Protein backbone atom coordinates (compact mmCIF):
# COMPACT_ATOMS: atom_id res chain seq x y z
CA MET A 1 -41.32 16.91 -9.11
CA SER A 2 -40.37 14.37 -12.01
CA PRO A 3 -40.64 10.81 -11.14
CA ARG A 4 -36.71 10.48 -13.47
CA PRO A 5 -33.58 10.84 -11.09
CA ASP A 6 -31.54 14.30 -11.66
CA PRO A 7 -28.24 13.56 -12.68
CA ASP A 8 -27.36 16.94 -11.51
CA ALA A 9 -28.65 15.86 -7.94
CA LEU A 10 -26.02 16.18 -5.43
CA GLY A 11 -25.57 12.74 -4.52
CA PHE A 12 -25.24 11.80 -8.05
CA VAL A 13 -22.59 15.00 -8.67
CA LEU A 14 -20.51 13.94 -5.51
CA ILE A 15 -20.26 9.76 -6.41
CA ASP A 16 -19.46 10.63 -10.18
CA VAL A 17 -16.48 13.65 -8.98
CA ALA A 18 -15.16 11.34 -6.51
CA ARG A 19 -15.11 8.49 -9.32
CA MET A 20 -13.39 10.51 -11.64
CA LEU A 21 -10.94 12.00 -9.14
CA ARG A 22 -9.92 8.30 -8.11
CA SER A 23 -9.59 7.23 -11.65
CA ALA A 24 -7.42 10.37 -12.66
CA PHE A 25 -5.42 9.82 -9.27
CA GLU A 26 -4.86 6.17 -10.21
CA ARG A 27 -4.05 7.34 -13.78
CA ARG A 28 -1.06 10.08 -12.39
CA ILE A 29 0.20 7.05 -10.09
CA ALA A 30 0.18 4.49 -12.57
CA THR A 31 2.61 6.65 -15.21
CA ALA A 32 4.72 8.61 -11.97
CA GLY A 33 7.33 5.92 -12.18
CA LEU A 34 6.67 5.60 -8.30
CA GLY A 35 7.19 1.49 -7.97
CA LEU A 36 3.58 1.33 -6.69
CA THR A 37 0.29 0.51 -7.62
CA PRO A 38 -2.42 3.12 -6.96
CA GLY A 39 -3.79 1.16 -4.36
CA GLU A 40 -0.40 0.76 -2.65
CA ALA A 41 0.34 4.35 -2.68
CA ARG A 42 -3.54 4.73 -1.93
CA THR A 43 -2.66 2.38 1.32
CA LEU A 44 0.63 3.79 1.91
CA VAL A 45 -0.58 7.68 2.01
CA ARG A 46 -4.10 6.66 4.52
CA ILE A 47 -1.15 4.74 6.47
CA ALA A 48 0.65 8.04 7.38
CA THR A 49 -2.18 10.19 7.88
CA LEU A 50 -3.47 7.08 10.55
CA GLU A 51 0.14 6.32 12.20
CA GLY A 52 -0.48 3.50 14.37
CA SER A 53 -3.53 2.39 13.20
CA ARG A 54 -5.31 -1.40 13.35
CA GLN A 55 -5.23 -3.18 9.95
CA LEU A 56 -8.77 -3.60 10.15
CA ASP A 57 -9.61 0.15 11.10
CA ILE A 58 -7.60 1.22 7.75
CA ALA A 59 -9.52 -1.47 5.69
CA GLN A 60 -12.46 0.24 6.85
CA ARG A 61 -11.47 3.90 6.31
CA MET A 62 -10.32 2.56 2.63
CA GLY A 63 -13.81 1.08 2.12
CA ILE A 64 -12.08 -1.91 1.16
CA GLU A 65 -11.64 -5.92 2.31
CA PRO A 66 -9.07 -6.19 5.11
CA MET A 67 -7.53 -9.01 2.56
CA THR A 68 -6.90 -6.60 -0.07
CA LEU A 69 -5.78 -3.89 2.39
CA SER A 70 -3.55 -7.14 3.25
CA THR A 71 -1.84 -7.41 0.33
CA TYR A 72 -0.92 -4.33 -0.32
CA LEU A 73 0.75 -4.01 3.38
CA ASP A 74 2.70 -6.93 2.76
CA ARG A 75 4.09 -5.55 -0.40
CA LEU A 76 4.50 -2.34 1.32
CA GLN A 77 6.38 -4.17 3.79
CA SER A 78 9.05 -6.06 1.36
CA LEU A 79 9.88 -2.55 0.40
CA GLY A 80 10.80 -1.42 3.89
CA PHE A 81 7.89 1.56 3.64
CA ILE A 82 5.74 -0.01 6.66
CA GLU A 83 6.01 -2.30 9.96
CA ARG A 84 3.19 -4.02 11.44
CA ARG A 85 3.61 -4.20 15.33
CA PRO A 86 1.47 -5.92 17.84
CA ASP A 87 -0.81 -4.07 19.07
CA PRO A 88 -0.63 -3.68 23.11
CA ALA A 89 -4.25 -4.15 23.69
CA ASP A 90 -5.32 -6.68 21.52
CA ARG A 91 -2.63 -9.88 20.79
CA ARG A 92 -4.22 -10.71 17.73
CA ALA A 93 -4.21 -7.18 16.02
CA LYS A 94 -1.57 -5.15 14.63
CA LEU A 95 -0.64 -1.53 14.25
CA ILE A 96 0.69 -0.22 11.08
CA PHE A 97 3.34 2.04 10.80
CA THR A 98 5.37 3.86 7.95
CA THR A 99 9.26 3.78 8.36
CA PRO A 100 11.73 6.68 7.26
CA ALA A 101 12.28 5.02 3.82
CA ALA A 102 8.63 6.00 3.45
CA ASP A 103 8.95 9.66 3.23
CA GLU A 104 10.53 10.02 -0.18
CA PRO A 105 7.49 7.88 -1.54
CA ILE A 106 5.23 9.84 0.44
CA ALA A 107 6.08 12.99 -1.09
CA ASN A 108 6.65 11.87 -4.57
CA ILE A 109 2.77 10.84 -3.91
CA ARG A 110 1.75 14.00 -2.50
CA ILE A 111 3.31 15.60 -5.30
CA GLU A 112 0.80 13.90 -7.64
CA GLN A 113 -1.93 14.49 -5.49
CA ILE A 114 -1.17 18.49 -5.69
CA GLU A 115 -0.64 18.65 -9.18
CA LEU A 116 -4.16 16.85 -9.84
CA MET A 117 -5.69 18.87 -7.46
CA GLN A 118 -4.69 22.56 -8.95
CA HIS A 119 -5.62 21.05 -12.31
CA VAL A 120 -9.38 19.70 -11.00
CA THR A 121 -9.61 22.85 -9.15
CA SER A 122 -8.70 25.37 -11.79
CA GLY A 123 -10.87 28.68 -11.66
CA ILE A 124 -12.10 28.00 -8.26
CA GLY A 125 -10.97 31.09 -6.02
CA GLU A 126 -9.42 29.84 -2.45
CA ALA A 127 -12.29 31.43 -0.78
CA GLU A 128 -14.52 29.17 -2.74
CA LEU A 129 -12.33 25.76 -1.78
CA ASP A 130 -12.46 26.92 1.57
CA ILE A 131 -16.29 27.10 1.44
CA MET A 132 -16.52 23.78 -0.52
CA ARG A 133 -13.90 21.90 1.85
CA GLY A 134 -16.33 23.30 4.72
CA GLN A 135 -19.25 21.92 3.69
CA LEU A 136 -17.94 18.43 2.18
CA LYS A 137 -16.66 18.04 5.96
CA ARG A 138 -19.95 19.08 7.32
CA LEU A 139 -21.16 16.40 5.07
CA ARG A 140 -18.86 13.91 6.02
CA ALA A 141 -19.71 14.42 9.33
CA ASN A 142 -23.15 13.91 8.85
CA LEU A 143 -22.41 10.62 7.47
CA VAL A 144 -20.16 9.27 10.35
CA ALA A 145 -22.94 10.44 12.59
CA LEU A 146 -25.71 8.27 10.72
CA GLU A 147 -23.22 5.41 10.53
CA GLU A 148 -22.62 5.39 13.97
CA ASP A 149 -26.81 5.81 14.19
CA SER A 150 -27.16 2.83 12.28
CA SER A 151 -24.69 0.70 13.56
CA ALA A 152 -26.58 1.65 17.16
CA LEU A 153 -29.74 0.45 16.00
CA ALA A 154 -28.14 -2.75 14.53
CA LEU A 155 -26.89 -3.46 18.07
CA VAL A 156 -30.42 -2.50 19.82
CA LYS A 157 -31.99 -5.12 16.97
CA GLU A 158 -29.83 -7.78 18.07
CA PRO A 159 -31.08 -10.85 20.04
CA ILE A 160 -30.07 -10.38 23.64
CA LEU A 161 -28.84 -14.06 24.71
């Protein structure tokens, strides 16, 4: 085995593809005339998939800081696309929901996503895409389990007062 990292190692390829896909999506959204920044568009789509989630959970799932998310939420709320509701389980927390006004922008963002993915996956058959999707979902599940184990280990290592 060479001491030099392989640029085609799975981890590097996944990171490169994810970075390039995000950049391509951001370029499409920026030029699509939707009236949303790429960050706002990503946030709106994530809220639609996590309807009724807490702000902190959405930020974690997006891999962004809660303050960054708060800025996006403020703008989306001013456009009438989302609403914040008190969390009945924690009066300090807010639950985020899309409004009917968000349906059209979400549909337009979805069109951009579909067109981008059609271009990105050209030359790959449906069966191959299904296999790839399944394998990537397995990687994601393994990483979630690893995060949960790491969190549990961190709790065990904390001193008990």
